[in-house]
Amino acid sequence: MLAEFEEKTYEHYLTLELVCGRQLFAPGQVQESILGFDVALRSSSATFWRQFPPMYPWWRSLFHIPPHGTGLDNRWWQEFQNDVNRFPSFRFNCFIQAKRPHYMKRSGAAEYSSWNKPYFRYDILRHQQKSLAYLARKTAGKAVVTYASPTFHTNQALWGAASSRQCVQESNFCESVKLNDHNRYTYDSPGNAGIAHSDPVPINSVPFEESMERLSKQDPMKSNLAFLTYTGEIIDEAAQNLGPNVGIYKAILSTFSKTADHKLATALARIYAFEFLSNVKLLIGYK
């Protein structure tokens, strides 16, 4: 039985809980807090602009001329960089691959003999796993790279966990490096233990909270810009494992580079493109 809720819905509540009360935040929060907006796009649609009459006078409608708008030139990015370096020191990355599980309760289920009771499972996607495993290898000792999946499958249970801030406590975390050469992962309870398949192999990952606590004590890089640049470079290398999505990744970066030429802009573009195509959520730990 596939979980009733979407993967992104679970990821949203899990991320919200992680950034509330912990020294973690998503890169988008930096951009939003400094520039004052989260997403910006340019639309040439007359239908869209008619919704804003003061910005779209009648004569523009006659000639189908959309407002020009403005771009973020390098002076803006330089100011953005100065502000980023005034933030608390960035110390580590946390890459989370949220998974929507199947709840298996029938004795005829493929992995039932490994548990002899109801359990949860999710599939490991080859290109997704390759990119995560690469990130884990390149950032060993400097980042958490993990799968996360809930130990519930109904909308009611998700809302209960979200409203009581128990999503983290009621999730199972598995280090990505532990799932190389496997195509499925099963578990029956929260925490860090499960079984990798097809040939059943017991998996015990480092506890999620323990990993974050250990990494929070390491020395920061010389600046937050250096941290984001390093993160962008590692992600750019990992993105080469995205299989058929590599071309889309490069196209996104190419489009972005036409409007911005700055270290910080390039780093954030790489991060957002990778998150979008691999469905991975990046959180940054600070102190």
Protein backbone atom coordinates (compact mmCIF):
# COMPACT_ATOMS: atom_id res chain seq x y z
CA MET A 1 0.00 0.00 0.00
CA LEU A 2 1.59 3.26 -1.14
CA ALA A 3 1.57 6.08 1.41
CA GLU A 4 -1.46 8.36 0.96
CA PHE A 5 0.59 11.56 1.00
CA GLU A 6 3.00 12.81 -1.65
CA GLU A 7 6.75 12.65 -1.14
CA LYS A 8 7.05 16.45 -1.22
CA THR A 9 4.41 16.82 1.48
CA TYR A 10 6.38 14.61 3.86
CA GLU A 11 9.61 16.40 2.90
CA HIS A 12 8.00 19.77 3.64
CA TYR A 13 7.01 18.84 7.20
CA LEU A 14 10.29 17.04 7.86
CA THR A 15 12.30 20.06 6.67
CA LEU A 16 10.12 22.47 8.63
CA GLU A 17 10.74 20.50 11.81
CA LEU A 18 14.49 20.29 11.17
CA VAL A 19 14.93 24.04 10.69
CA CYS A 20 12.75 24.96 13.69
CA GLY A 21 14.68 24.70 16.93
CA ARG A 22 17.86 23.46 15.21
CA GLN A 23 20.77 25.37 13.73
CA LEU A 24 19.85 24.37 10.19
CA PHE A 25 18.42 26.29 7.27
CA ALA A 26 17.82 25.86 3.54
CA PRO A 27 19.91 27.95 1.11
CA GLY A 28 16.72 29.56 -0.22
CA GLN A 29 16.14 31.14 3.17
CA VAL A 30 19.35 33.16 2.80
CA GLN A 31 18.25 34.56 -0.55
CA GLU A 32 14.73 35.30 0.66
CA SER A 33 15.83 37.08 3.84
CA ILE A 34 18.34 39.34 2.05
CA LEU A 35 16.69 40.05 -1.29
CA GLY A 36 13.13 40.00 0.03
CA PHE A 37 11.73 37.36 -2.32
CA ASP A 38 12.05 33.62 -2.82
CA VAL A 39 11.29 33.11 -6.51
CA ALA A 40 11.50 35.55 -9.40
CA LEU A 41 10.64 35.05 -13.04
CA ARG A 42 10.07 37.18 -16.10
CA SER A 43 6.74 36.80 -17.87
CA SER A 44 5.94 38.10 -21.36
CA SER A 45 2.30 37.08 -21.06
CA ALA A 46 -0.11 39.96 -21.62
CA THR A 47 -2.81 37.96 -19.82
CA PHE A 48 -0.62 37.83 -16.71
CA TRP A 49 0.24 41.53 -16.74
CA ARG A 50 -3.39 42.60 -17.18
CA GLN A 51 -3.88 41.50 -13.59
CA PHE A 52 -1.70 44.48 -12.56
CA PRO A 53 -3.22 47.53 -14.33
CA PRO A 54 -0.89 50.19 -12.81
CA MET A 55 2.08 48.29 -14.26
CA TYR A 56 0.40 47.60 -17.62
CA PRO A 57 -1.11 50.74 -19.20
CA TRP A 58 -3.54 50.42 -22.10
CA TRP A 59 -0.98 51.39 -24.77
CA ARG A 60 1.27 48.47 -23.82
CA SER A 61 -1.70 46.18 -24.35
CA LEU A 62 -2.16 47.52 -27.88
CA PHE A 63 1.38 46.62 -28.88
CA HIS A 64 1.71 43.51 -26.64
CA ILE A 65 4.67 45.01 -24.78
CA PRO A 66 5.29 43.49 -21.33
CA PRO A 67 7.01 45.53 -18.59
CA HIS A 68 10.80 45.32 -18.83
CA GLY A 69 11.45 44.28 -15.25
CA THR A 70 14.98 44.22 -13.88
CA GLY A 71 17.78 41.73 -13.61
CA LEU A 72 20.05 41.00 -10.66
CA ASP A 73 23.33 42.38 -11.94
CA ASN A 74 26.71 41.65 -10.39
CA ARG A 75 26.49 44.64 -8.02
CA TRP A 76 23.47 43.05 -6.39
CA TRP A 77 25.24 39.72 -6.12
CA GLN A 78 28.27 41.44 -4.55
CA GLU A 79 26.04 42.99 -1.91
CA PHE A 80 24.37 39.61 -1.41
CA GLN A 81 27.84 38.06 -0.91
CA ASN A 82 28.75 40.67 1.71
CA ASP A 83 25.56 39.92 3.63
CA VAL A 84 26.03 36.13 3.40
CA ASN A 85 29.44 36.48 5.03
CA ARG A 86 27.82 38.30 7.98
CA PHE A 87 25.69 35.23 8.72
CA PRO A 88 26.77 32.77 11.46
CA SER A 89 29.51 30.46 10.19
CA PHE A 90 28.33 27.66 7.90
CA ARG A 91 29.77 24.38 9.17
CA PHE A 92 28.27 21.41 7.35
CA ASN A 93 25.82 20.26 4.68
CA CYS A 94 22.90 17.91 5.18
CA PHE A 95 21.57 16.30 1.99
CA ILE A 96 18.23 14.59 2.60
CA GLN A 97 16.51 12.33 0.08
CA ALA A 98 12.93 12.01 1.31
CA LYS A 99 11.17 8.78 0.31
CA ARG A 100 7.48 7.95 0.10
CA PRO A 101 7.16 4.38 1.39
CA HIS A 102 4.93 1.43 0.66
CA TYR A 103 3.38 -0.13 3.75
CA MET A 104 3.60 -3.91 3.34
CA LYS A 105 1.44 -6.10 5.59
CA ARG A 106 0.65 -9.22 3.55
CA SER A 107 2.70 -12.35 4.17
CA GLY A 108 3.15 -12.77 0.41
CA ALA A 109 5.12 -9.49 0.10
CA ALA A 110 8.58 -9.97 -1.41
CA GLU A 111 10.56 -9.05 1.71
CA TYR A 112 8.10 -10.33 4.34
CA SER A 113 10.40 -13.22 5.29
CA SER A 114 13.01 -10.68 6.44
CA TRP A 115 10.59 -9.25 9.00
CA ASN A 116 7.72 -11.72 9.53
CA LYS A 117 5.53 -8.73 10.35
CA PRO A 118 4.29 -5.58 8.57
CA TYR A 119 7.07 -3.30 7.33
CA PHE A 120 7.83 -0.34 5.06
CA ARG A 121 9.87 -0.27 1.86
CA TYR A 122 11.05 2.05 -0.89
CA ASP A 123 12.97 1.56 -4.13
CA ILE A 124 16.47 2.87 -4.76
CA LEU A 125 16.70 4.73 -8.08
CA ARG A 126 20.00 4.10 -9.84
CA HIS A 127 20.95 7.62 -10.97
CA GLN A 128 19.65 9.16 -7.77
CA GLN A 129 21.74 6.75 -5.71
CA LYS A 130 24.87 7.34 -7.83
CA SER A 131 24.72 11.09 -7.28
CA LEU A 132 24.07 10.71 -3.54
CA ALA A 133 26.86 8.16 -3.14
CA TYR A 134 29.24 10.51 -4.94
CA LEU A 135 28.28 13.37 -2.62
CA ALA A 136 28.82 11.12 0.40
CA ARG A 137 32.28 10.05 -0.77
CA LYS A 138 33.44 13.58 -1.63
CA THR A 139 32.11 15.11 1.58
CA ALA A 140 33.02 12.28 3.96
CA GLY A 141 33.30 13.70 7.47
CA LYS A 142 31.90 17.06 6.36
CA ALA A 143 28.28 16.32 5.46
CA VAL A 144 25.28 14.13 6.19
CA VAL A 145 23.93 12.40 3.07
CA THR A 146 20.91 10.34 3.97
CA TYR A 147 17.58 8.87 2.92
CA ALA A 148 14.60 9.66 5.15
CA SER A 149 11.27 7.86 5.16
CA PRO A 150 8.36 7.91 7.64
CA THR A 151 7.06 5.04 9.76
CA PHE A 152 3.46 5.93 8.91
CA HIS A 153 1.49 5.92 5.67
CA THR A 154 -1.80 7.80 6.15
CA ASN A 155 -2.58 11.49 5.83
CA GLN A 156 -3.98 11.46 9.35
CA ALA A 157 -0.73 10.06 10.76
CA LEU A 158 1.35 12.59 8.81
CA TRP A 159 -0.70 15.47 10.14
CA GLY A 160 -0.46 14.07 13.66
CA ALA A 161 3.33 13.83 13.42
CA ALA A 162 3.61 17.30 11.87
CA SER A 163 1.36 19.01 14.42
CA SER A 164 3.23 17.45 17.34
CA ARG A 165 6.64 17.94 15.71
CA GLN A 166 7.40 14.25 15.68
CA CYS A 167 8.31 13.81 11.99
CA VAL A 168 12.02 13.36 12.71
CA GLN A 169 11.35 11.05 15.65
CA GLU A 170 8.96 8.95 13.54
CA SER A 171 11.28 8.62 10.52
CA ASN A 172 13.86 6.06 9.48
CA PHE A 173 17.22 7.39 8.23
CA CYS A 174 19.65 5.41 6.09
CA GLU A 175 23.07 6.64 4.95
CA SER A 176 23.24 6.67 1.16
CA VAL A 177 26.64 4.93 1.05
CA LYS A 178 25.09 1.88 2.71
CA LEU A 179 22.78 1.30 -0.27
CA ASN A 180 25.28 0.98 -3.10
CA ASP A 181 24.51 -2.02 -5.34
CA HIS A 182 21.04 -2.43 -3.80
CA ASN A 183 17.66 -1.71 -5.35
CA ARG A 184 15.36 -1.59 -2.33
CA TYR A 185 15.40 -0.76 1.38
CA THR A 186 13.00 -1.99 4.07
CA TYR A 187 12.45 -1.05 7.71
CA ASP A 188 9.86 -1.53 10.41
CA SER A 189 10.57 1.24 12.92
CA PRO A 190 12.04 4.73 13.33
CA GLY A 191 15.76 5.20 13.80
CA ASN A 192 18.70 4.01 11.73
CA ALA A 193 18.22 0.26 11.21
CA GLY A 194 16.82 -1.56 8.20
CA ILE A 195 17.57 -4.14 5.51
CA ALA A 196 18.94 -3.57 2.01
CA HIS A 197 17.80 -5.84 -0.84
CA SER A 198 17.73 -7.79 -3.17
CA ASP A 199 20.01 -10.13 -1.20
CA PRO A 200 19.01 -9.14 2.35
CA VAL A 201 21.79 -7.23 4.15
CA PRO A 202 21.24 -5.72 7.62
CA ILE A 203 21.94 -1.96 7.62
CA ASN A 204 22.82 0.14 10.63
CA SER A 205 23.48 3.79 9.86
CA VAL A 206 24.98 6.38 12.16
CA PRO A 207 22.04 7.97 14.03
CA PHE A 208 20.93 11.12 12.24
CA GLU A 209 21.03 13.46 15.24
CA GLU A 210 24.43 12.07 16.27
CA SER A 211 25.88 12.84 12.83
CA MET A 212 24.64 16.43 12.94
CA GLU A 213 25.94 16.97 16.46
CA ARG A 214 29.41 15.70 15.50
CA LEU A 215 29.60 17.82 12.35
CA SER A 216 28.45 20.97 14.14
CA LYS A 217 31.69 20.91 16.16
CA GLN A 218 34.07 21.05 13.21
CA ASP A 219 35.86 24.26 12.24
CA PRO A 220 34.15 26.40 9.59
CA MET A 221 35.74 27.42 6.28
CA LYS A 222 37.33 30.86 5.94
CA SER A 223 34.03 32.39 4.80
CA ASN A 224 30.42 31.46 4.03
CA LEU A 225 31.08 32.29 0.38
CA ALA A 226 33.91 29.72 0.36
CA PHE A 227 31.52 27.18 1.90
CA LEU A 228 28.80 27.77 -0.71
CA THR A 229 31.34 27.78 -3.56
CA TYR A 230 32.76 24.46 -2.34
CA THR A 231 29.25 23.02 -2.02
CA GLY A 232 28.40 24.16 -5.55
CA GLU A 233 31.56 22.58 -6.97
CA ILE A 234 30.91 19.22 -5.30
CA ILE A 235 27.30 19.28 -6.44
CA ASP A 236 28.39 20.10 -9.99
CA GLU A 237 30.57 16.97 -9.99
CA ALA A 238 27.80 14.85 -8.45
CA ALA A 239 25.33 16.12 -11.06
CA GLN A 240 27.30 14.30 -13.77
CA ASN A 241 25.76 11.11 -12.33
CA LEU A 242 22.19 12.25 -13.00
CA GLY A 243 21.99 10.16 -16.15
CA PRO A 244 19.39 11.49 -18.61
CA ASN A 245 18.97 14.63 -16.48
CA VAL A 246 22.57 15.80 -16.96
CA GLY A 247 21.57 17.67 -20.12
CA ILE A 248 18.73 19.44 -18.31
CA TYR A 249 21.09 20.36 -15.46
CA LYS A 250 23.54 21.95 -17.90
CA ALA A 251 20.72 23.76 -19.69
CA ILE A 252 19.51 25.29 -16.41
CA LEU A 253 23.01 26.53 -15.58
CA SER A 254 23.51 27.87 -19.10
CA THR A 255 20.27 29.86 -18.89
CA PHE A 256 21.20 31.24 -15.49
CA SER A 257 24.75 32.24 -16.53
CA LYS A 258 23.32 34.54 -19.20
CA THR A 259 21.93 36.85 -16.51
CA ALA A 260 24.50 36.47 -13.71
CA ASP A 261 28.27 36.09 -13.62
CA HIS A 262 29.28 35.78 -10.00
CA LYS A 263 30.69 33.06 -7.72
CA LEU A 264 27.71 33.14 -5.39
CA ALA A 265 25.21 33.16 -8.25
CA THR A 266 26.91 30.14 -9.82
CA ALA A 267 27.01 28.23 -6.52
CA LEU A 268 23.31 28.81 -5.80
CA ALA A 269 22.33 27.94 -9.38
CA ARG A 270 24.15 24.61 -9.07
CA ILE A 271 22.48 23.90 -5.73
CA TYR A 272 18.96 24.71 -6.95
CA ALA A 273 19.36 22.83 -10.24
CA PHE A 274 20.59 19.73 -8.42
CA GLU A 275 17.80 19.89 -5.84
CA PHE A 276 15.21 20.26 -8.59
CA LEU A 277 16.44 17.35 -10.72
CA SER A 278 17.46 14.87 -8.01
CA ASN A 279 14.65 15.65 -5.56
CA VAL A 280 17.23 16.11 -2.81
CA LYS A 281 16.82 18.73 -0.08
CA LEU A 282 19.94 20.57 1.10
CA LEU A 283 20.08 22.01 4.59
CA ILE A 284 23.10 23.88 5.95
CA GLY A 285 24.24 23.60 9.55
CA TYR A 286 25.63 26.71 11.22
CA LYS A 287 26.86 27.78 14.61
